[in-house]
C-alpha atoms as a PDB file:
ATOM      1  CA  MET A   1     -16.018 -10.481  14.922  1.00  0.00           C
ATOM      2  CA  LYS A   2     -18.818 -11.322  12.500  1.00  0.00           C
ATOM      3  CA  LEU A   3     -18.612  -9.283   9.335  1.00  0.00           C
ATOM      4  CA  SER A   4     -21.747  -8.381   7.433  1.00  0.00           C
ATOM      5  CA  LYS A   5     -22.119  -9.399   3.803  1.00  0.00           C
ATOM      6  CA  ASN A   6     -21.924  -5.732   2.759  1.00  0.00           C
ATOM      7  CA  ILE A   7     -18.625  -5.211   4.589  1.00  0.00           C
ATOM      8  CA  ILE A   8     -17.157  -8.420   3.133  1.00  0.00           C
ATOM      9  CA  LEU A   9     -18.277  -7.396  -0.360  1.00  0.00           C
ATOM     10  CA  SER A  10     -16.909  -3.868   0.100  1.00  0.00           C
ATOM     11  CA  PHE A  11     -13.526  -5.118   1.331  1.00  0.00           C
ATOM     12  CA  GLY A  12     -13.402  -7.746  -1.421  1.00  0.00           C
ATOM     13  CA  LEU A  13     -14.053  -5.105  -4.076  1.00  0.00           C
ATOM     14  CA  LEU A  14     -11.470  -2.804  -2.491  1.00  0.00           C
ATOM     15  CA  VAL A  15      -8.828  -5.542  -2.620  1.00  0.00           C
ATOM     16  CA  LEU A  16      -9.673  -6.524  -6.198  1.00  0.00           C
ATOM     17  CA  ILE A  17      -9.858  -2.973  -7.574  1.00  0.00           C
ATOM     18  CA  ALA A  18      -6.572  -2.017  -5.893  1.00  0.00           C
ATOM     19  CA  ALA A  19      -4.877  -5.172  -7.215  1.00  0.00           C
ATOM     20  CA  LEU A  20      -6.133  -4.565 -10.765  1.00  0.00           C
ATOM     21  CA  TYR A  21      -5.133  -0.905 -10.628  1.00  0.00           C
ATOM     22  CA  ARG A  22      -1.587  -1.846  -9.574  1.00  0.00           C
ATOM     23  CA  VAL A  23      -1.086  -3.994 -12.705  1.00  0.00           C
ATOM     24  CA  MET A  24      -2.758  -1.526 -15.061  1.00  0.00           C
ATOM     25  CA  PRO A  25      -0.514  -0.823 -18.062  1.00  0.00           C
ATOM     26  CA  GLY A  26       0.792   2.738 -18.265  1.00  0.00           C
ATOM     27  CA  ARG A  27       0.302   3.454 -14.554  1.00  0.00           C
ATOM     28  CA  PRO A  28       3.092   5.693 -13.254  1.00  0.00           C
ATOM     29  CA  TRP A  29       5.641   3.652 -11.267  1.00  0.00           C
ATOM     30  CA  GLY A  30       4.971   3.905  -7.566  1.00  0.00           C
ATOM     31  CA  PHE A  31       1.469   5.354  -8.032  1.00  0.00           C
ATOM     32  CA  ALA A  32      -0.622   2.597  -6.466  1.00  0.00           C
ATOM     33  CA  PRO A  33      -3.236   2.397  -3.693  1.00  0.00           C
ATOM     34  CA  GLN A  34      -1.698  -0.315  -1.508  1.00  0.00           C
ATOM     35  CA  ILE A  35       0.104   1.958   0.991  1.00  0.00           C
ATOM     36  CA  ALA A  36      -3.068   4.003   1.484  1.00  0.00           C
ATOM     37  CA  MET A  37      -4.999   0.745   1.836  1.00  0.00           C
ATOM     38  CA  ALA A  38      -2.608  -0.481   4.546  1.00  0.00           C
ATOM     39  CA  LEU A  39      -2.948   2.812   6.443  1.00  0.00           C
ATOM     40  CA  PHE A  40      -6.740   2.818   6.035  1.00  0.00           C
ATOM     41  CA  ALA A  41      -7.074  -0.806   7.141  1.00  0.00           C
ATOM     42  CA  GLY A  42      -4.905  -0.183  10.194  1.00  0.00           C
ATOM     43  CA  ALA A  43      -6.883   2.914  11.130  1.00  0.00           C
ATOM     44  CA  VAL A  44     -10.410   1.677  10.429  1.00  0.00           C
ATOM     45  CA  VAL A  45     -10.661  -2.125  10.554  1.00  0.00           C
ATOM     46  CA  LYS A  46     -11.199  -3.204  14.151  1.00  0.00           C
ATOM     47  CA  ASP A  47     -10.200  -6.848  13.716  1.00  0.00           C
ATOM     48  CA  ARG A  48      -6.446  -6.741  13.209  1.00  0.00           C
ATOM     49  CA  LYS A  49      -6.230  -9.947  11.187  1.00  0.00           C
ATOM     50  CA  TYR A  50      -8.498  -8.378   8.565  1.00  0.00           C
ATOM     51  CA  ALA A  51      -6.565  -5.112   8.763  1.00  0.00           C
ATOM     52  CA  PHE A  52      -3.361  -6.952   7.844  1.00  0.00           C
ATOM     53  CA  ALA A  53      -5.121  -9.137   5.260  1.00  0.00           C
ATOM     54  CA  LEU A  54      -6.488  -6.318   3.075  1.00  0.00           C
ATOM     55  CA  PRO A  55      -3.227  -4.824   1.756  1.00  0.00           C
ATOM     56  CA  ILE A  56      -1.369  -8.161   1.767  1.00  0.00           C
ATOM     57  CA  LEU A  57      -4.115  -9.876  -0.217  1.00  0.00           C
ATOM     58  CA  SER A  58      -4.232  -6.982  -2.680  1.00  0.00           C
ATOM     59  CA  MET A  59      -0.448  -7.141  -3.108  1.00  0.00           C
ATOM     60  CA  PHE A  60      -0.530 -10.917  -3.525  1.00  0.00           C
ATOM     61  CA  ILE A  61      -3.269 -10.805  -6.192  1.00  0.00           C
ATOM     62  CA  SER A  62      -1.463  -8.090  -8.154  1.00  0.00           C
ATOM     63  CA  ASP A  63       1.865  -9.939  -7.801  1.00  0.00           C
ATOM     64  CA  LEU A  64       0.163 -13.089  -9.085  1.00  0.00           C
ATOM     65  CA  LEU A  65      -1.217 -11.173 -12.087  1.00  0.00           C
ATOM     66  CA  TYR A  66       2.206  -9.630 -12.746  1.00  0.00           C
ATOM     67  CA  HIS A  67       3.727 -13.098 -12.624  1.00  0.00           C
ATOM     68  CA  LEU A  68       1.138 -14.587 -14.992  1.00  0.00           C
ATOM     69  CA  TYR A  69       1.805 -11.760 -17.480  1.00  0.00           C
ATOM     70  CA  TYR A  70       5.535 -12.399 -17.091  1.00  0.00           C
ATOM     71  CA  LEU A  71       5.228 -16.161 -17.632  1.00  0.00           C
ATOM     72  CA  SER A  72       3.042 -15.652 -20.708  1.00  0.00           C
ATOM     73  CA  GLY A  73       5.566 -13.252 -22.223  1.00  0.00           C
ATOM     74  CA  ALA A  74       3.130 -10.337 -22.042  1.00  0.00           C
ATOM     75  CA  GLY A  75       5.044  -8.574 -19.262  1.00  0.00           C
ATOM     76  CA  ILE A  76       8.650  -7.893 -18.342  1.00  0.00           C
ATOM     77  CA  ILE A  77       8.173  -7.720 -14.564  1.00  0.00           C
ATOM     78  CA  PRO A  78       8.035 -10.954 -12.584  1.00  0.00           C
ATOM     79  CA  GLY A  79       5.415 -10.847  -9.861  1.00  0.00           C
ATOM     80  CA  PHE A  80       7.374 -13.049  -7.516  1.00  0.00           C
ATOM     81  CA  TYR A  81      11.063 -12.582  -6.883  1.00  0.00           C
ATOM     82  CA  GLU A  82      13.738 -13.082  -4.271  1.00  0.00           C
ATOM     83  CA  GLY A  83      12.959 -10.856  -1.320  1.00  0.00           C
ATOM     84  CA  GLN A  84       9.209 -10.858  -1.984  1.00  0.00           C
ATOM     85  CA  LEU A  85       8.420 -11.812   1.596  1.00  0.00           C
ATOM     86  CA  THR A  86      10.198  -8.656   2.768  1.00  0.00           C
ATOM     87  CA  ASN A  87       7.772  -6.581   0.727  1.00  0.00           C
ATOM     88  CA  TYR A  88       4.813  -8.194   2.493  1.00  0.00           C
ATOM     89  CA  VAL A  89       6.437  -7.633   5.889  1.00  0.00           C
ATOM     90  CA  LEU A  90       6.896  -3.944   5.036  1.00  0.00           C
ATOM     91  CA  PHE A  91       3.209  -3.682   4.141  1.00  0.00           C
ATOM     92  CA  SER A  92       2.381  -5.217   7.513  1.00  0.00           C
ATOM     93  CA  VAL A  93       4.497  -2.477   9.103  1.00  0.00           C
ATOM     94  CA  LEU A  94       2.484   0.109   7.149  1.00  0.00           C
ATOM     95  CA  THR A  95      -0.724  -1.385   8.537  1.00  0.00           C
ATOM     96  CA  VAL A  96       0.724  -0.871  12.023  1.00  0.00           C
ATOM     97  CA  VAL A  97       1.383   2.783  11.091  1.00  0.00           C
ATOM     98  CA  GLY A  98      -2.353   2.969  10.375  1.00  0.00           C
ATOM     99  CA  PHE A  99      -3.059   1.887  13.979  1.00  0.00           C
ATOM    100  CA  PHE A 100      -1.629   5.258  15.023  1.00  0.00           C
ATOM    101  CA  ILE A 101      -4.144   7.216  12.973  1.00  0.00           C
ATOM    102  CA  ARG A 102      -6.483   7.300  15.940  1.00  0.00           C
ATOM    103  CA  GLU A 103      -8.144  10.580  15.168  1.00  0.00           C
ATOM    104  CA  LYS A 104      -9.479  10.263  11.670  1.00  0.00           C
ATOM    105  CA  ASN A 105      -9.001  13.928  10.849  1.00  0.00           C
ATOM    106  CA  VAL A 106      -7.265  15.621   7.955  1.00  0.00           C
ATOM    107  CA  VAL A 107      -4.029  16.329   9.856  1.00  0.00           C
ATOM    108  CA  SER A 108      -3.525  12.767  11.137  1.00  0.00           C
ATOM    109  CA  ILE A 109      -4.452  11.236   7.775  1.00  0.00           C
ATOM    110  CA  ILE A 110      -2.016  13.509   5.932  1.00  0.00           C
ATOM    111  CA  ALA A 111       0.698  12.769   8.514  1.00  0.00           C
ATOM    112  CA  GLY A 112       0.150   9.030   8.100  1.00  0.00           C
ATOM    113  CA  SER A 113       0.042   9.430   4.316  1.00  0.00           C
ATOM    114  CA  LEU A 114       3.456  11.076   4.414  1.00  0.00           C
ATOM    115  CA  ALA A 115       4.926   8.710   7.026  1.00  0.00           C
ATOM    116  CA  GLY A 116       3.800   5.508   5.275  1.00  0.00           C
ATOM    117  CA  PRO A 117       5.553   6.023   1.926  1.00  0.00           C
ATOM    118  CA  THR A 118       8.602   7.467   3.695  1.00  0.00           C
ATOM    119  CA  ILE A 119       8.951   4.421   5.940  1.00  0.00           C
ATOM    120  CA  TYR A 120       8.478   2.151   2.935  1.00  0.00           C
ATOM    121  CA  PHE A 121      10.961   4.125   0.806  1.00  0.00           C
ATOM    122  CA  LEU A 122      13.694   4.177   3.453  1.00  0.00           C
ATOM    123  CA  SER A 123      13.218   0.545   4.526  1.00  0.00           C
ATOM    124  CA  SER A 124      12.790  -1.060   1.128  1.00  0.00           C
ATOM    125  CA  ASN A 125      15.659   0.814  -0.495  1.00  0.00           C
ATOM    126  CA  PHE A 126      17.975   0.164   2.440  1.00  0.00           C
ATOM    127  CA  LEU A 127      17.159  -3.546   2.115  1.00  0.00           C
ATOM    128  CA  VAL A 128      17.689  -3.482  -1.664  1.00  0.00           C
ATOM    129  CA  TRP A 129      21.051  -1.751  -1.188  1.00  0.00           C
ATOM    130  CA  SER A 130      22.193  -4.023   1.646  1.00  0.00           C
ATOM    131  CA  SER A 131      21.306  -7.182  -0.303  1.00  0.00           C
ATOM    132  CA  GLY A 132      23.107  -6.020  -3.461  1.00  0.00           C
ATOM    133  CA  GLY A 133      19.874  -5.814  -5.431  1.00  0.00           C
ATOM    134  CA  GLY A 134      18.645  -3.049  -7.677  1.00  0.00           C
ATOM    135  CA  LEU A 135      21.545  -1.462  -9.519  1.00  0.00           C
ATOM    136  CA  GLY A 136      24.087  -3.083  -7.189  1.00  0.00           C
ATOM    137  CA  ARG A 137      25.329   0.135  -5.656  1.00  0.00           C
ATOM    138  CA  PRO A 138      28.546  -0.113  -3.563  1.00  0.00           C
ATOM    139  CA  LYS A 139      28.253  -0.847   0.166  1.00  0.00           C
ATOM    140  CA  THR A 140      29.292   2.661   1.167  1.00  0.00           C
ATOM    141  CA  TRP A 141      27.403   5.704   2.412  1.00  0.00           C
ATOM    142  CA  GLU A 142      27.622   7.104  -1.127  1.00  0.00           C
ATOM    143  CA  GLY A 143      26.275   3.828  -2.524  1.00  0.00           C
ATOM    144  CA  LEU A 144      23.306   3.964  -0.169  1.00  0.00           C
ATOM    145  CA  MET A 145      22.610   7.567  -1.193  1.00  0.00           C
ATOM    146  CA  MET A 146      22.837   6.505  -4.849  1.00  0.00           C
ATOM    147  CA  CYS A 147      20.296   3.740  -4.166  1.00  0.00           C
ATOM    148  CA  PHE A 148      17.922   6.226  -2.514  1.00  0.00           C
ATOM    149  CA  ASN A 149      18.432   8.620  -5.422  1.00  0.00           C
ATOM    150  CA  ASP A 150      17.632   5.816  -7.905  1.00  0.00           C
ATOM    151  CA  ALA A 151      14.255   5.358  -6.228  1.00  0.00           C
ATOM    152  CA  LEU A 152      13.230   9.027  -5.895  1.00  0.00           C
ATOM    153  CA  PRO A 153      10.767   8.903  -8.839  1.00  0.00           C
ATOM    154  CA  PHE A 154       8.986   5.974  -7.172  1.00  0.00           C
ATOM    155  CA  TYR A 155       8.966   7.828  -3.845  1.00  0.00           C
ATOM    156  CA  ARG A 156       7.430  10.997  -5.305  1.00  0.00           C
ATOM    157  CA  ASN A 157       4.716   8.978  -7.024  1.00  0.00           C
ATOM    158  CA  SER A 158       4.180   6.917  -3.886  1.00  0.00           C
ATOM    159  CA  ILE A 159       3.590  10.048  -1.802  1.00  0.00           C
ATOM    160  CA  ALA A 160       1.190  11.468  -4.389  1.00  0.00           C
ATOM    161  CA  ALA A 161      -0.661   8.143  -4.665  1.00  0.00           C
ATOM    162  CA  THR A 162      -0.903   7.670  -0.914  1.00  0.00           C
ATOM    163  CA  LEU A 163      -2.255  11.184  -0.390  1.00  0.00           C
ATOM    164  CA  PHE A 164      -4.762  10.720  -3.231  1.00  0.00           C
ATOM    165  CA  PHE A 165      -5.937   7.208  -2.309  1.00  0.00           C
ATOM    166  CA  SER A 166      -6.045   8.058   1.411  1.00  0.00           C
ATOM    167  CA  ALA A 167      -8.343  10.968   0.568  1.00  0.00           C
ATOM    168  CA  VAL A 168     -10.545   8.589  -1.446  1.00  0.00           C
ATOM    169  CA  LEU A 169     -10.596   5.815   1.178  1.00  0.00           C
ATOM    170  CA  PHE A 170     -10.910   7.932   4.325  1.00  0.00           C
ATOM    171  CA  GLY A 171     -13.239  10.394   2.588  1.00  0.00           C
ATOM    172  CA  SER A 172     -15.527   7.604   1.407  1.00  0.00           C
ATOM    173  CA  TYR A 173     -15.466   6.049   4.865  1.00  0.00           C
ATOM    174  CA  TYR A 174     -16.390   9.386   6.425  1.00  0.00           C
ATOM    175  CA  LEU A 175     -19.291   9.897   4.008  1.00  0.00           C
ATOM    176  CA  VAL A 176     -20.612   6.350   4.460  1.00  0.00           C
ATOM    177  CA  THR A 177     -20.405   6.446   8.268  1.00  0.00           C
ATOM    178  CA  LYS A 178     -21.900   9.941   8.358  1.00  0.00           C
ATOM    179  CA  SER A 179     -24.776   8.757   6.170  1.00  0.00           C
ATOM    180  CA  ALA A 180     -25.261   5.687   8.398  1.00  0.00           C
ATOM    181  CA  ARG A 181     -25.303   7.875  11.535  1.00  0.00           C
ATOM    182  CA  THR A 182     -27.793  10.259   9.936  1.00  0.00           C
ATOM    183  CA  THR A 183     -30.043   7.372   8.855  1.00  0.00           C
ATOM    184  CA  ALA A 184     -29.847   5.785  12.316  1.00  0.00           C
ATOM    185  CA  ALA A 185     -30.768   9.093  13.965  1.00  0.00           C
ATOM    186  CA  VAL A 186     -33.936   9.446  11.863  1.00  0.00           C
END
């Protein structure tokens, strides 16, 4: 698939803006565009390698920036850490969730925007708990529930962010494609 210069520029800007937003100081934890980007890429980008690349590249750039801040002493969060690869795998899974948003209508986009953060929340926190990370909750049912409870603020913000950024991404896509169809029809 040959991509036009405009599409490459648009995707490049999308990746860069999302990466910069994720490392923005004062941003509420969990309120970032990457889950919405993964869903959008899975739903809209025809070439699957590019669909997977968009959110992963955005995550990698923001992780690199986080790490540079950390190494310079300007930040307290390392960008790269043990288990980082798992995070990228989970974002690939979210891109696959986007493949199921076949009908780009409000109901399917909202459903995907609720499913994506929920899948990420359940998977990532289960993996944190099972590996002894996070707050090192005990390996019991109660410990797992404590781990999920620890992450609820992130989950709420993740749902809000995914709904918001999905509306921006899918809404912009709708307006651009509608405008292109109208121009082509004239």
